[in-house]
Amino acid sequence: MNVSRACAEIAHLLNVKSLTSQPLVTAHFYIAKQSHGAIIGSGGTTLQSLQSKSNTFITIPKKDDPNAGDVVTVEGTQTDINTLKPLVEAILQVAVVVKYPTSSGSGGGDQKNNNKMTLQKIDLKTGLKAGGEVLLFPDGDSLPGAGHFNRFLQVLQSATKTCDIAIYTLTDDRISRVIEDLHNSGTVKVRILTESTTVNDTGADVIPLMKLGLSVRVDSSPFLMHHKFVVIDNTVIITGSFNWTRSAAAGNAENVLILSTPDVVKPFATEFNRLWAAGTVLTPQNAAACSAQKKGLGGAN
């Protein structure tokens, strides 16, 4: 019997899809303890299905273990772990952070590309709650802001035609990746208007997005452009106190409103177009000059 046939026979006996010569690695899936039951399922059926579909072995901490935390240990090849991640996220509707112990064959540390969120897009005409939605931060998840933050991302990424963003500051890479994906889709026109004094802040993502070809303008007012809203397809508005930063999702007391009432959306669309017309196109040549403080408020947030 050749090696391929032997692997196929063993895989059949083990009830897995196939065996591979790829090295095995260990990954830590950070899943809120209260969500472990959803991964296990009734009588362990969900857990068995996940393991079978991904060729992985999943270890979930015991419920009565006082030392149990949020870490679910997964063993498999890198390909298998990459297969498992979106399956778990589809069940939880929460992005799962994956890290690798330093002794793992993957080389350890965060896998940045592997941690890209996988969320289902929604139909903006039917997928929003009637009357609007309120998202409050932090929302009590052991991965702070995860549930509400993912809802925010899910609505944002569901744009199909236009995405007009007026944001004081943008430093959260997770949001920036969604914006980049919308731009790269080729079907969504993305425009970003931002406060000129924040574009050179540490971790700011606006200049990198501009260099990727997105249309970006900075405001021309001597005072702060302190808006935090996005108009999606001219039919949905996301607004609130929420700055598009990691700290806003993870610890700050913040609010987000998602509304589709035409009488509410229209003024925001009008305001964006007014600011856009008055704004200055951000370019690599003028970006460095955008750090000066503004009079009146001294550039303070």
C-alpha atoms as a PDB file:
ATOM      1  CA  MET A   1       0.000   0.000   0.000  1.00  0.00           C
ATOM      2  CA  ASN A   2       1.417   3.404  -0.964  1.00  0.00           C
ATOM      3  CA  VAL A   3       1.599   6.364   1.438  1.00  0.00           C
ATOM      4  CA  SER A   4      -1.392   8.201  -0.069  1.00  0.00           C
ATOM      5  CA  ARG A   5      -3.596   5.123   0.181  1.00  0.00           C
ATOM      6  CA  ALA A   6      -2.454   4.516   3.756  1.00  0.00           C
ATOM      7  CA  CYS A   7      -3.281   8.101   4.731  1.00  0.00           C
ATOM      8  CA  ALA A   8      -6.706   7.759   3.163  1.00  0.00           C
ATOM      9  CA  GLU A   9      -7.401   4.545   5.100  1.00  0.00           C
ATOM     10  CA  ILE A  10      -6.273   6.083   8.399  1.00  0.00           C
ATOM     11  CA  ALA A  11      -8.352   9.186   7.775  1.00  0.00           C
ATOM     12  CA  HIS A  12     -11.387   6.983   7.164  1.00  0.00           C
ATOM     13  CA  LEU A  13     -10.825   5.137  10.438  1.00  0.00           C
ATOM     14  CA  LEU A  14     -10.407   8.409  12.338  1.00  0.00           C
ATOM     15  CA  ASN A  15     -13.502   9.925  10.675  1.00  0.00           C
ATOM     16  CA  VAL A  16     -11.575  12.959   9.380  1.00  0.00           C
ATOM     17  CA  LYS A  17     -11.419  14.330   5.848  1.00  0.00           C
ATOM     18  CA  SER A  18      -7.776  13.575   5.150  1.00  0.00           C
ATOM     19  CA  LEU A  19      -4.303  13.361   6.586  1.00  0.00           C
ATOM     20  CA  THR A  20      -1.557  15.699   5.550  1.00  0.00           C
ATOM     21  CA  SER A  21       2.182  16.046   5.765  1.00  0.00           C
ATOM     22  CA  GLN A  22       1.887  19.622   7.032  1.00  0.00           C
ATOM     23  CA  PRO A  23       3.316  20.140  10.541  1.00  0.00           C
ATOM     24  CA  LEU A  24       0.863  20.255  13.422  1.00  0.00           C
ATOM     25  CA  VAL A  25       0.576  23.475  15.388  1.00  0.00           C
ATOM     26  CA  THR A  26      -1.257  24.523  18.531  1.00  0.00           C
ATOM     27  CA  ALA A  27      -3.471  27.597  18.479  1.00  0.00           C
ATOM     28  CA  HIS A  28      -5.309  29.443  21.234  1.00  0.00           C
ATOM     29  CA  PHE A  29      -8.782  30.649  20.294  1.00  0.00           C
ATOM     30  CA  TYR A  30      -9.868  33.431  22.650  1.00  0.00           C
ATOM     31  CA  ILE A  31     -13.584  32.781  23.168  1.00  0.00           C
ATOM     32  CA  ALA A  32     -15.632  34.243  26.015  1.00  0.00           C
ATOM     33  CA  LYS A  33     -16.213  31.574  28.658  1.00  0.00           C
ATOM     34  CA  GLN A  34     -19.964  32.059  28.513  1.00  0.00           C
ATOM     35  CA  SER A  35     -19.854  31.187  24.794  1.00  0.00           C
ATOM     36  CA  HIS A  36     -18.137  27.817  25.240  1.00  0.00           C
ATOM     37  CA  GLY A  37     -21.508  26.064  25.426  1.00  0.00           C
ATOM     38  CA  ALA A  38     -22.363  27.219  21.911  1.00  0.00           C
ATOM     39  CA  ILE A  39     -19.162  25.636  20.634  1.00  0.00           C
ATOM     40  CA  ILE A  40     -19.914  22.364  22.417  1.00  0.00           C
ATOM     41  CA  GLY A  41     -23.577  22.125  21.399  1.00  0.00           C
ATOM     42  CA  SER A  42     -26.183  19.692  22.621  1.00  0.00           C
ATOM     43  CA  GLY A  43     -24.444  16.496  23.660  1.00  0.00           C
ATOM     44  CA  GLY A  44     -21.226  17.738  22.084  1.00  0.00           C
ATOM     45  CA  THR A  45     -22.637  17.552  18.553  1.00  0.00           C
ATOM     46  CA  THR A  46     -21.448  21.007  17.496  1.00  0.00           C
ATOM     47  CA  LEU A  47     -17.945  20.327  18.791  1.00  0.00           C
ATOM     48  CA  GLN A  48     -17.798  17.027  16.929  1.00  0.00           C
ATOM     49  CA  SER A  49     -18.995  18.679  13.741  1.00  0.00           C
ATOM     50  CA  LEU A  50     -16.393  21.435  14.001  1.00  0.00           C
ATOM     51  CA  GLN A  51     -13.607  18.948  14.546  1.00  0.00           C
ATOM     52  CA  SER A  52     -14.749  16.808  11.640  1.00  0.00           C
ATOM     53  CA  LYS A  53     -15.106  19.719   9.218  1.00  0.00           C
ATOM     54  CA  SER A  54     -11.733  21.226  10.084  1.00  0.00           C
ATOM     55  CA  ASN A  55      -9.608  18.162  10.867  1.00  0.00           C
ATOM     56  CA  THR A  56      -8.702  19.726  14.222  1.00  0.00           C
ATOM     57  CA  PHE A  57      -8.737  18.596  17.843  1.00  0.00           C
ATOM     58  CA  ILE A  58     -10.430  21.142  20.123  1.00  0.00           C
ATOM     59  CA  THR A  59      -9.970  21.290  23.894  1.00  0.00           C
ATOM     60  CA  ILE A  60     -12.470  23.412  25.830  1.00  0.00           C
ATOM     61  CA  PRO A  61     -11.871  24.143  29.541  1.00  0.00           C
ATOM     62  CA  LYS A  62     -14.200  22.349  31.930  1.00  0.00           C
ATOM     63  CA  LYS A  63     -17.136  24.451  33.074  1.00  0.00           C
ATOM     64  CA  ASP A  64     -16.517  23.732  36.776  1.00  0.00           C
ATOM     65  CA  ASP A  65     -12.785  24.467  36.601  1.00  0.00           C
ATOM     66  CA  PRO A  66     -12.209  27.597  38.766  1.00  0.00           C
ATOM     67  CA  ASN A  67      -9.064  28.358  36.774  1.00  0.00           C
ATOM     68  CA  ALA A  68     -10.764  28.046  33.413  1.00  0.00           C
ATOM     69  CA  GLY A  69     -10.407  31.087  31.237  1.00  0.00           C
ATOM     70  CA  ASP A  70     -11.334  32.127  27.729  1.00  0.00           C
ATOM     71  CA  VAL A  71      -8.679  30.090  25.921  1.00  0.00           C
ATOM     72  CA  VAL A  72      -9.852  27.191  23.764  1.00  0.00           C
ATOM     73  CA  THR A  73      -6.900  25.114  22.578  1.00  0.00           C
ATOM     74  CA  VAL A  74      -6.906  23.844  19.000  1.00  0.00           C
ATOM     75  CA  GLU A  75      -4.459  21.399  17.423  1.00  0.00           C
ATOM     76  CA  GLY A  76      -4.119  20.868  13.701  1.00  0.00           C
ATOM     77  CA  THR A  77      -2.262  22.100  10.671  1.00  0.00           C
ATOM     78  CA  GLN A  78      -2.221  25.802   9.867  1.00  0.00           C
ATOM     79  CA  THR A  79      -4.641  25.144   7.010  1.00  0.00           C
ATOM     80  CA  ASP A  80      -7.005  23.278   9.338  1.00  0.00           C
ATOM     81  CA  ILE A  81      -6.938  26.068  11.927  1.00  0.00           C
ATOM     82  CA  ASN A  82      -7.639  28.632   9.215  1.00  0.00           C
ATOM     83  CA  THR A  83     -10.630  26.494   8.189  1.00  0.00           C
ATOM     84  CA  LEU A  84     -11.944  26.289  11.741  1.00  0.00           C
ATOM     85  CA  LYS A  85     -11.827  29.998  12.541  1.00  0.00           C
ATOM     86  CA  PRO A  86     -14.685  31.193  10.257  1.00  0.00           C
ATOM     87  CA  LEU A  87     -16.770  28.165  11.276  1.00  0.00           C
ATOM     88  CA  VAL A  88     -16.535  29.196  14.926  1.00  0.00           C
ATOM     89  CA  GLU A  89     -17.184  32.848  14.094  1.00  0.00           C
ATOM     90  CA  ALA A  90     -20.288  31.905  12.115  1.00  0.00           C
ATOM     91  CA  ILE A  91     -21.679  30.182  15.232  1.00  0.00           C
ATOM     92  CA  LEU A  92     -20.806  32.952  17.673  1.00  0.00           C
ATOM     93  CA  GLN A  93     -21.202  35.948  15.315  1.00  0.00           C
ATOM     94  CA  VAL A  94     -18.190  37.362  17.121  1.00  0.00           C
ATOM     95  CA  ALA A  95     -14.679  37.700  15.772  1.00  0.00           C
ATOM     96  CA  VAL A  96     -12.261  35.258  17.371  1.00  0.00           C
ATOM     97  CA  VAL A  97      -8.709  36.263  18.177  1.00  0.00           C
ATOM     98  CA  VAL A  98      -6.206  33.492  17.464  1.00  0.00           C
ATOM     99  CA  LYS A  99      -2.755  33.374  18.995  1.00  0.00           C
ATOM    100  CA  TYR A 100       0.006  30.793  18.826  1.00  0.00           C
ATOM    101  CA  PRO A 101       2.235  29.759  21.733  1.00  0.00           C
ATOM    102  CA  THR A 102       5.892  30.532  21.063  1.00  0.00           C
ATOM    103  CA  SER A 103       6.640  26.813  20.949  1.00  0.00           C
ATOM    104  CA  SER A 104       4.148  26.289  18.135  1.00  0.00           C
ATOM    105  CA  GLY A 105       5.397  25.432  14.680  1.00  0.00           C
ATOM    106  CA  SER A 106       3.789  28.593  13.315  1.00  0.00           C
ATOM    107  CA  GLY A 107       6.512  30.690  14.892  1.00  0.00           C
ATOM    108  CA  GLY A 108       4.389  32.119  17.720  1.00  0.00           C
ATOM    109  CA  GLY A 109       2.671  35.406  18.266  1.00  0.00           C
ATOM    110  CA  ASP A 110      -0.386  36.870  16.605  1.00  0.00           C
ATOM    111  CA  GLN A 111      -1.238  35.838  13.089  1.00  0.00           C
ATOM    112  CA  LYS A 112      -2.350  39.232  11.781  1.00  0.00           C
ATOM    113  CA  ASN A 113      -3.856  38.086   8.520  1.00  0.00           C
ATOM    114  CA  ASN A 114      -5.500  35.092  10.152  1.00  0.00           C
ATOM    115  CA  ASN A 115      -7.188  37.409  12.649  1.00  0.00           C
ATOM    116  CA  LYS A 116      -9.089  39.271   9.990  1.00  0.00           C
ATOM    117  CA  MET A 117     -12.726  39.257  10.999  1.00  0.00           C
ATOM    118  CA  THR A 118     -15.101  37.031   9.078  1.00  0.00           C
ATOM    119  CA  LEU A 119     -18.658  38.352   9.381  1.00  0.00           C
ATOM    120  CA  GLN A 120     -21.705  37.791   7.225  1.00  0.00           C
ATOM    121  CA  LYS A 121     -22.895  40.800   5.249  1.00  0.00           C
ATOM    122  CA  ILE A 122     -26.509  41.808   5.685  1.00  0.00           C
ATOM    123  CA  ASP A 123     -29.152  43.224   3.394  1.00  0.00           C
ATOM    124  CA  LEU A 124     -29.454  46.798   4.652  1.00  0.00           C
ATOM    125  CA  LYS A 125     -33.113  46.910   3.599  1.00  0.00           C
ATOM    126  CA  THR A 126     -34.143  43.905   5.677  1.00  0.00           C
ATOM    127  CA  GLY A 127     -31.287  43.172   8.072  1.00  0.00           C
ATOM    128  CA  LEU A 128     -31.631  46.144  10.430  1.00  0.00           C
ATOM    129  CA  LYS A 129     -34.000  46.344  13.368  1.00  0.00           C
ATOM    130  CA  ALA A 130     -37.067  48.483  12.768  1.00  0.00           C
ATOM    131  CA  GLY A 131     -36.723  51.800  14.530  1.00  0.00           C
ATOM    132  CA  GLY A 132     -32.948  51.582  14.687  1.00  0.00           C
ATOM    133  CA  GLU A 133     -30.294  49.940  16.825  1.00  0.00           C
ATOM    134  CA  VAL A 134     -28.338  51.145  19.847  1.00  0.00           C
ATOM    135  CA  LEU A 135     -24.852  49.766  20.520  1.00  0.00           C
ATOM    136  CA  LEU A 136     -23.240  50.615  23.862  1.00  0.00           C
ATOM    137  CA  PHE A 137     -19.577  50.183  24.721  1.00  0.00           C
ATOM    138  CA  PRO A 138     -18.058  48.387  26.492  1.00  0.00           C
ATOM    139  CA  ASP A 139     -20.744  45.706  26.204  1.00  0.00           C
ATOM    140  CA  GLY A 140     -19.621  43.289  28.932  1.00  0.00           C
ATOM    141  CA  ASP A 141     -17.999  40.661  26.691  1.00  0.00           C
ATOM    142  CA  SER A 142     -14.760  39.271  28.104  1.00  0.00           C
ATOM    143  CA  LEU A 143     -13.225  40.402  24.829  1.00  0.00           C
ATOM    144  CA  PRO A 144     -14.360  43.998  25.387  1.00  0.00           C
ATOM    145  CA  GLY A 145     -16.765  45.375  22.825  1.00  0.00           C
ATOM    146  CA  ALA A 146     -16.641  42.240  20.671  1.00  0.00           C
ATOM    147  CA  GLY A 147     -20.383  41.654  20.189  1.00  0.00           C
ATOM    148  CA  HIS A 148     -21.430  45.257  19.570  1.00  0.00           C
ATOM    149  CA  PHE A 149     -18.232  46.064  17.734  1.00  0.00           C
ATOM    150  CA  ASN A 150     -18.831  43.221  15.312  1.00  0.00           C
ATOM    151  CA  ARG A 151     -22.363  44.450  14.687  1.00  0.00           C
ATOM    152  CA  PHE A 152     -20.897  47.861  13.886  1.00  0.00           C
ATOM    153  CA  LEU A 153     -18.439  46.247  11.444  1.00  0.00           C
ATOM    154  CA  GLN A 154     -21.122  44.023   9.948  1.00  0.00           C
ATOM    155  CA  VAL A 155     -23.325  46.976   9.035  1.00  0.00           C
ATOM    156  CA  LEU A 156     -20.352  48.993   7.769  1.00  0.00           C
ATOM    157  CA  GLN A 157     -19.111  46.208   5.495  1.00  0.00           C
ATOM    158  CA  SER A 158     -22.587  45.687   4.039  1.00  0.00           C
ATOM    159  CA  ALA A 159     -22.381  48.805   1.877  1.00  0.00           C
ATOM    160  CA  THR A 160     -23.101  48.005  -1.764  1.00  0.00           C
ATOM    161  CA  LYS A 161     -22.872  51.397  -3.499  1.00  0.00           C
ATOM    162  CA  THR A 162     -21.454  54.216  -1.372  1.00  0.00           C
ATOM    163  CA  CYS A 163     -19.758  54.687   1.980  1.00  0.00           C
ATOM    164  CA  ASP A 164     -19.286  58.308   3.067  1.00  0.00           C
ATOM    165  CA  ILE A 165     -17.259  58.536   6.277  1.00  0.00           C
ATOM    166  CA  ALA A 166     -16.872  61.652   8.411  1.00  0.00           C
ATOM    167  CA  ILE A 167     -14.611  60.710  11.296  1.00  0.00           C
ATOM    168  CA  TYR A 168     -12.535  62.724  13.727  1.00  0.00           C
ATOM    169  CA  THR A 169      -9.831  60.067  13.957  1.00  0.00           C
ATOM    170  CA  LEU A 170      -9.257  56.550  12.626  1.00  0.00           C
ATOM    171  CA  THR A 171      -6.694  54.288  14.299  1.00  0.00           C
ATOM    172  CA  ASP A 172      -8.441  50.913  14.616  1.00  0.00           C
ATOM    173  CA  ASP A 173      -6.939  48.594  11.994  1.00  0.00           C
ATOM    174  CA  ARG A 174      -9.996  46.321  12.122  1.00  0.00           C
ATOM    175  CA  ILE A 175     -12.186  49.144  10.858  1.00  0.00           C
ATOM    176  CA  SER A 176      -9.579  50.230   8.325  1.00  0.00           C
ATOM    177  CA  ARG A 177      -9.459  46.723   6.844  1.00  0.00           C
ATOM    178  CA  VAL A 178     -13.228  46.787   6.275  1.00  0.00           C
ATOM    179  CA  ILE A 179     -12.906  50.176   4.573  1.00  0.00           C
ATOM    180  CA  GLU A 180     -10.044  48.869   2.411  1.00  0.00           C
ATOM    181  CA  ASP A 181     -12.093  45.809   1.451  1.00  0.00           C
ATOM    182  CA  LEU A 182     -15.027  47.997   0.397  1.00  0.00           C
ATOM    183  CA  HIS A 183     -12.692  50.064  -1.765  1.00  0.00           C
ATOM    184  CA  ASN A 184     -11.091  46.959  -3.280  1.00  0.00           C
ATOM    185  CA  SER A 185     -14.494  45.501  -4.126  1.00  0.00           C
ATOM    186  CA  GLY A 186     -14.679  47.889  -7.061  1.00  0.00           C
ATOM    187  CA  THR A 187     -18.420  48.363  -6.532  1.00  0.00           C
ATOM    188  CA  VAL A 188     -18.482  50.646  -3.477  1.00  0.00           C
ATOM    189  CA  LYS A 189     -17.434  54.289  -3.729  1.00  0.00           C
ATOM    190  CA  VAL A 190     -15.686  55.167  -0.465  1.00  0.00           C
ATOM    191  CA  ARG A 191     -15.038  58.745   0.633  1.00  0.00           C
ATOM    192  CA  ILE A 192     -13.308  59.657   3.886  1.00  0.00           C
ATOM    193  CA  LEU A 193     -13.444  63.108   5.439  1.00  0.00           C
ATOM    194  CA  THR A 194     -11.352  63.554   8.573  1.00  0.00           C
ATOM    195  CA  GLU A 195      -9.946  66.090  10.990  1.00  0.00           C
ATOM    196  CA  SER A 196      -6.711  67.484   9.566  1.00  0.00           C
ATOM    197  CA  THR A 197      -4.841  67.563  12.892  1.00  0.00           C
ATOM    198  CA  THR A 198      -5.261  63.812  13.505  1.00  0.00           C
ATOM    199  CA  VAL A 199      -3.937  62.331  10.269  1.00  0.00           C
ATOM    200  CA  ASN A 200      -0.359  62.191  11.558  1.00  0.00           C
ATOM    201  CA  ASP A 201      -1.227  60.837  14.997  1.00  0.00           C
ATOM    202  CA  THR A 202       0.513  57.652  16.089  1.00  0.00           C
ATOM    203  CA  GLY A 203      -1.325  54.689  14.571  1.00  0.00           C
ATOM    204  CA  ALA A 204      -3.538  56.823  12.338  1.00  0.00           C
ATOM    205  CA  ASP A 205      -4.746  54.891   9.283  1.00  0.00           C
ATOM    206  CA  VAL A 206      -5.991  57.683   7.018  1.00  0.00           C
ATOM    207  CA  ILE A 207      -2.699  58.335   5.208  1.00  0.00           C
ATOM    208  CA  PRO A 208      -2.091  54.607   4.521  1.00  0.00           C
ATOM    209  CA  LEU A 209      -5.638  54.348   3.136  1.00  0.00           C
ATOM    210  CA  MET A 210      -5.033  57.407   0.962  1.00  0.00           C
ATOM    211  CA  LYS A 211      -1.869  55.790  -0.388  1.00  0.00           C
ATOM    212  CA  LEU A 212      -3.935  52.730  -1.319  1.00  0.00           C
ATOM    213  CA  GLY A 213      -6.020  54.916  -3.607  1.00  0.00           C
ATOM    214  CA  LEU A 214      -8.985  55.825  -1.421  1.00  0.00           C
ATOM    215  CA  SER A 215     -10.473  59.304  -1.733  1.00  0.00           C
ATOM    216  CA  VAL A 216      -9.594  61.229   1.419  1.00  0.00           C
ATOM    217  CA  ARG A 217     -10.117  64.877   2.297  1.00  0.00           C
ATOM    218  CA  VAL A 218      -9.345  66.873   5.426  1.00  0.00           C
ATOM    219  CA  ASP A 219     -11.562  69.652   6.667  1.00  0.00           C
ATOM    220  CA  SER A 220     -10.643  73.256   5.998  1.00  0.00           C
ATOM    221  CA  SER A 221     -12.275  74.822   9.062  1.00  0.00           C
ATOM    222  CA  PRO A 222     -10.145  76.565  11.703  1.00  0.00           C
ATOM    223  CA  PHE A 223     -12.100  74.533  14.244  1.00  0.00           C
ATOM    224  CA  LEU A 224     -12.296  70.781  14.763  1.00  0.00           C
ATOM    225  CA  MET A 225     -14.202  68.430  12.457  1.00  0.00           C
ATOM    226  CA  HIS A 226     -15.506  66.348  15.360  1.00  0.00           C
ATOM    227  CA  HIS A 227     -18.114  64.233  13.581  1.00  0.00           C
ATOM    228  CA  LYS A 228     -18.212  60.447  13.911  1.00  0.00           C
ATOM    229  CA  PHE A 229     -20.664  59.193  11.328  1.00  0.00           C
ATOM    230  CA  VAL A 230     -20.906  57.214   8.118  1.00  0.00           C
ATOM    231  CA  VAL A 231     -23.660  57.323   5.513  1.00  0.00           C
ATOM    232  CA  ILE A 232     -24.047  53.958   3.791  1.00  0.00           C
ATOM    233  CA  ASP A 233     -25.748  53.696   0.390  1.00  0.00           C
ATOM    234  CA  ASN A 234     -27.531  56.981   1.251  1.00  0.00           C
ATOM    235  CA  THR A 235     -30.022  54.877   3.224  1.00  0.00           C
ATOM    236  CA  VAL A 236     -28.326  54.046   6.550  1.00  0.00           C
ATOM    237  CA  ILE A 237     -26.498  56.183   9.069  1.00  0.00           C
ATOM    238  CA  ILE A 238     -24.104  55.014  11.794  1.00  0.00           C
ATOM    239  CA  THR A 239     -23.333  57.753  14.302  1.00  0.00           C
ATOM    240  CA  GLY A 240     -22.671  58.398  17.982  1.00  0.00           C
ATOM    241  CA  SER A 241     -19.893  59.264  20.400  1.00  0.00           C
ATOM    242  CA  PHE A 242     -17.812  56.313  19.207  1.00  0.00           C
ATOM    243  CA  ASN A 243     -14.377  57.277  17.871  1.00  0.00           C
ATOM    244  CA  TRP A 244     -12.938  54.725  15.469  1.00  0.00           C
ATOM    245  CA  THR A 245     -10.166  53.668  17.836  1.00  0.00           C
ATOM    246  CA  ARG A 246      -9.283  50.536  19.804  1.00  0.00           C
ATOM    247  CA  SER A 247      -9.868  52.277  23.138  1.00  0.00           C
ATOM    248  CA  ALA A 248     -13.377  53.268  22.080  1.00  0.00           C
ATOM    249  CA  ALA A 249     -14.329  49.616  21.564  1.00  0.00           C
ATOM    250  CA  ALA A 250     -12.355  48.116  24.425  1.00  0.00           C
ATOM    251  CA  GLY A 251     -12.876  50.414  27.389  1.00  0.00           C
ATOM    252  CA  ASN A 252     -14.518  53.769  26.812  1.00  0.00           C
ATOM    253  CA  ALA A 253     -18.148  54.476  27.640  1.00  0.00           C
ATOM    254  CA  GLU A 254     -19.419  55.057  24.090  1.00  0.00           C
ATOM    255  CA  ASN A 255     -22.604  54.837  22.054  1.00  0.00           C
ATOM    256  CA  VAL A 256     -23.459  54.029  18.440  1.00  0.00           C
ATOM    257  CA  LEU A 257     -26.812  54.543  16.733  1.00  0.00           C
ATOM    258  CA  ILE A 258     -27.726  52.729  13.507  1.00  0.00           C
ATOM    259  CA  LEU A 259     -30.697  54.326  11.762  1.00  0.00           C
ATOM    260  CA  SER A 260     -32.383  54.045   8.384  1.00  0.00           C
ATOM    261  CA  THR A 261     -35.163  56.621   8.731  1.00  0.00           C
ATOM    262  CA  PRO A 262     -34.948  58.799   5.589  1.00  0.00           C
ATOM    263  CA  ASP A 263     -35.662  62.014   7.517  1.00  0.00           C
ATOM    264  CA  VAL A 264     -32.655  61.236   9.730  1.00  0.00           C
ATOM    265  CA  VAL A 265     -30.292  59.973   7.037  1.00  0.00           C
ATOM    266  CA  LYS A 266     -30.819  62.882   4.626  1.00  0.00           C
ATOM    267  CA  PRO A 267     -29.381  65.660   6.858  1.00  0.00           C
ATOM    268  CA  PHE A 268     -26.251  63.600   7.497  1.00  0.00           C
ATOM    269  CA  ALA A 269     -25.799  63.001   3.767  1.00  0.00           C
ATOM    270  CA  THR A 270     -26.232  66.721   3.137  1.00  0.00           C
ATOM    271  CA  GLU A 271     -23.735  67.597   5.855  1.00  0.00           C
ATOM    272  CA  PHE A 272     -21.188  65.171   4.468  1.00  0.00           C
ATOM    273  CA  ASN A 273     -21.481  66.602   0.972  1.00  0.00           C
ATOM    274  CA  ARG A 274     -21.099  70.143   2.346  1.00  0.00           C
ATOM    275  CA  LEU A 275     -17.952  69.253   4.258  1.00  0.00           C
ATOM    276  CA  TRP A 276     -16.594  67.236   1.341  1.00  0.00           C
ATOM    277  CA  ALA A 277     -17.006  70.155  -1.072  1.00  0.00           C
ATOM    278  CA  ALA A 278     -15.184  72.479   1.331  1.00  0.00           C
ATOM    279  CA  GLY A 279     -12.466  69.993   2.243  1.00  0.00           C
ATOM    280  CA  THR A 280      -8.890  69.704   1.003  1.00  0.00           C
ATOM    281  CA  VAL A 281      -7.770  66.624  -0.912  1.00  0.00           C
ATOM    282  CA  LEU A 282      -5.211  64.727   1.140  1.00  0.00           C
ATOM    283  CA  THR A 283      -2.077  63.833  -0.837  1.00  0.00           C
ATOM    284  CA  PRO A 284       1.375  62.501   0.045  1.00  0.00           C
ATOM    285  CA  GLN A 285       2.676  66.001  -0.635  1.00  0.00           C
ATOM    286  CA  ASN A 286       0.450  67.875   1.846  1.00  0.00           C
ATOM    287  CA  ALA A 287      -0.027  65.188   4.516  1.00  0.00           C
ATOM    288  CA  ALA A 288       2.939  66.299   6.630  1.00  0.00           C
ATOM    289  CA  ALA A 289       1.503  69.802   6.943  1.00  0.00           C
ATOM    290  CA  CYS A 290      -1.706  68.569   8.574  1.00  0.00           C
ATOM    291  CA  SER A 291      -0.427  68.468  12.161  1.00  0.00           C
ATOM    292  CA  ALA A 292      -0.698  72.114  13.162  1.00  0.00           C
ATOM    293  CA  GLN A 293      -3.078  72.906  15.980  1.00  0.00           C
ATOM    294  CA  LYS A 294      -6.213  74.862  15.239  1.00  0.00           C
ATOM    295  CA  LYS A 295      -7.173  78.129  16.858  1.00  0.00           C
ATOM    296  CA  GLY A 296     -10.084  78.438  19.249  1.00  0.00           C
ATOM    297  CA  LEU A 297      -9.973  74.894  20.623  1.00  0.00           C
ATOM    298  CA  GLY A 298      -6.213  74.434  20.460  1.00  0.00           C
ATOM    299  CA  GLY A 299      -6.664  71.137  18.658  1.00  0.00           C
ATOM    300  CA  ALA A 300      -8.133  69.552  21.779  1.00  0.00           C
ATOM    301  CA  ASN A 301     -10.567  66.660  21.440  1.00  0.00           C
END
